[in-house]
Every structure is written in structure tokens, then in C-alpha cells.
Protein backbone atom coordinates (compact mmCIF):
# COMPACT_ATOMS: atom_id res chain seq x y z
CA MET A 1 0.00 0.00 0.00
CA ARG A 2 1.44 3.36 -0.95
CA ALA A 3 0.77 6.57 0.86
CA PRO A 4 2.50 9.96 1.13
CA SER A 5 4.95 10.19 4.03
CA GLN A 6 2.80 12.74 5.88
CA ILE A 7 0.00 10.15 6.00
CA ILE A 8 2.27 7.31 7.14
CA ASN A 9 3.26 9.44 10.14
CA ARG A 10 -0.38 9.32 11.24
CA TRP A 11 -0.74 5.53 11.03
CA ARG A 12 -0.39 3.62 14.24
CA ALA A 13 -0.49 0.11 12.74
CA ILE A 14 -1.84 -1.97 9.88
CA SER A 15 -2.82 -5.65 9.92
CA VAL A 16 -3.87 -7.77 6.95
CA PHE A 17 -5.79 -11.01 7.50
CA THR A 18 -6.50 -13.66 4.86
CA PHE A 19 -8.85 -16.58 4.58
CA SER A 20 -8.92 -19.08 1.71
CA ASN A 21 -12.09 -21.01 1.00
CA GLY A 22 -10.41 -23.04 -1.75
CA VAL A 23 -11.86 -20.89 -4.52
CA ARG A 24 -10.71 -17.41 -3.59
CA VAL A 25 -8.73 -15.67 -0.92
CA ILE A 26 -10.51 -13.07 1.19
CA PHE A 27 -8.51 -10.19 2.67
CA ILE A 28 -9.47 -8.06 5.65
CA THR A 29 -7.33 -4.99 6.30
CA LEU A 30 -7.35 -3.20 9.65
CA THR A 31 -5.63 0.14 9.96
CA PHE A 32 -5.08 1.98 13.20
CA TRP A 33 -4.80 5.77 13.08
CA LYS A 34 -3.75 8.56 15.42
CA ASP A 35 -7.18 10.22 15.24
CA ARG A 36 -10.17 10.82 12.93
CA ASP A 37 -8.46 13.83 11.32
CA SER A 38 -5.65 11.48 10.28
CA ILE A 39 -8.19 9.26 8.54
CA LYS A 40 -9.64 12.30 6.76
CA ALA A 41 -6.16 13.33 5.58
CA PHE A 42 -5.83 9.91 3.93
CA ALA A 43 -9.38 9.13 2.79
CA GLY A 44 -10.97 12.53 2.31
CA GLU A 45 -13.83 14.23 4.11
CA ASP A 46 -16.23 11.27 3.78
CA VAL A 47 -14.21 8.67 5.68
CA GLU A 48 -16.79 5.96 5.03
CA VAL A 49 -16.07 5.87 1.27
CA ALA A 50 -13.50 3.17 0.50
CA LYS A 51 -10.23 4.40 -1.01
CA TYR A 52 -8.57 2.40 -3.79
CA TYR A 53 -5.48 2.84 -5.93
CA PRO A 54 -5.49 2.37 -9.74
CA GLU A 55 -3.39 -0.81 -9.52
CA ASP A 56 -5.94 -2.43 -7.17
CA LYS A 57 -7.95 -3.50 -10.24
CA ASP A 58 -5.09 -5.91 -11.02
CA PHE A 59 -5.52 -7.73 -7.71
CA LEU A 60 -9.07 -7.35 -6.41
CA LEU A 61 -12.19 -9.12 -7.68
CA GLU A 62 -14.61 -6.96 -5.68
CA PHE A 63 -14.52 -3.38 -4.49
CA GLU A 64 -16.41 -2.64 -1.30
CA PRO A 65 -17.91 0.84 -1.62
CA LYS A 66 -17.87 1.62 2.11
CA VAL A 67 -15.64 1.06 5.12
CA VAL A 68 -16.49 0.95 8.83
CA HIS A 69 -14.56 2.74 11.58
CA TYR A 70 -14.38 1.56 15.17
CA GLU A 71 -12.90 3.12 18.29
CA VAL A 72 -10.34 0.99 20.12
CA VAL A 73 -11.50 0.73 23.73
CA GLY A 74 -8.97 -1.79 24.99
CA GLN A 75 -6.04 -3.94 24.08
CA SER A 76 -3.55 -6.21 25.80
């Protein structure tokens, strides 16, 4: 995933999970950000609209139109 350096400074972490059902591989990407303004700097004002790069069409079969944001309330 490419992003300008000023955006990378606002990331806290990224995790990518995969699951294969024998026919296709499903990816789930979780990104952790400093704050909501950091998400807006990356995704734009409407943070629920999924952001894709032009080369994603070479790898993805489906494009989810929306994303969901959660607040982290605990971790160990």
C-alpha cells in the first residue's frame, strides 16, 4: 500500500488477514490511526467511502464501496 509520508506518520499500525475457501482468498485490512483527522487526511472528508489505488484493479475481484470505523476501547 502506498501513501504519502505525511500520511504514514499518522498511522499507528496496519494488519492484513487472509482466509482461503479453496476458490478465492478473502482479505481483511485493519488500519489503526492517530485520530479521525488522520483518517480524513488519507481518505478525504467522507471517511466511510473506500479508497482504492489504480493498480488495485489488477488484484481485487470486488470493491467494497464503504468502510467501517471503530474506536479501540482496549487492548492487551
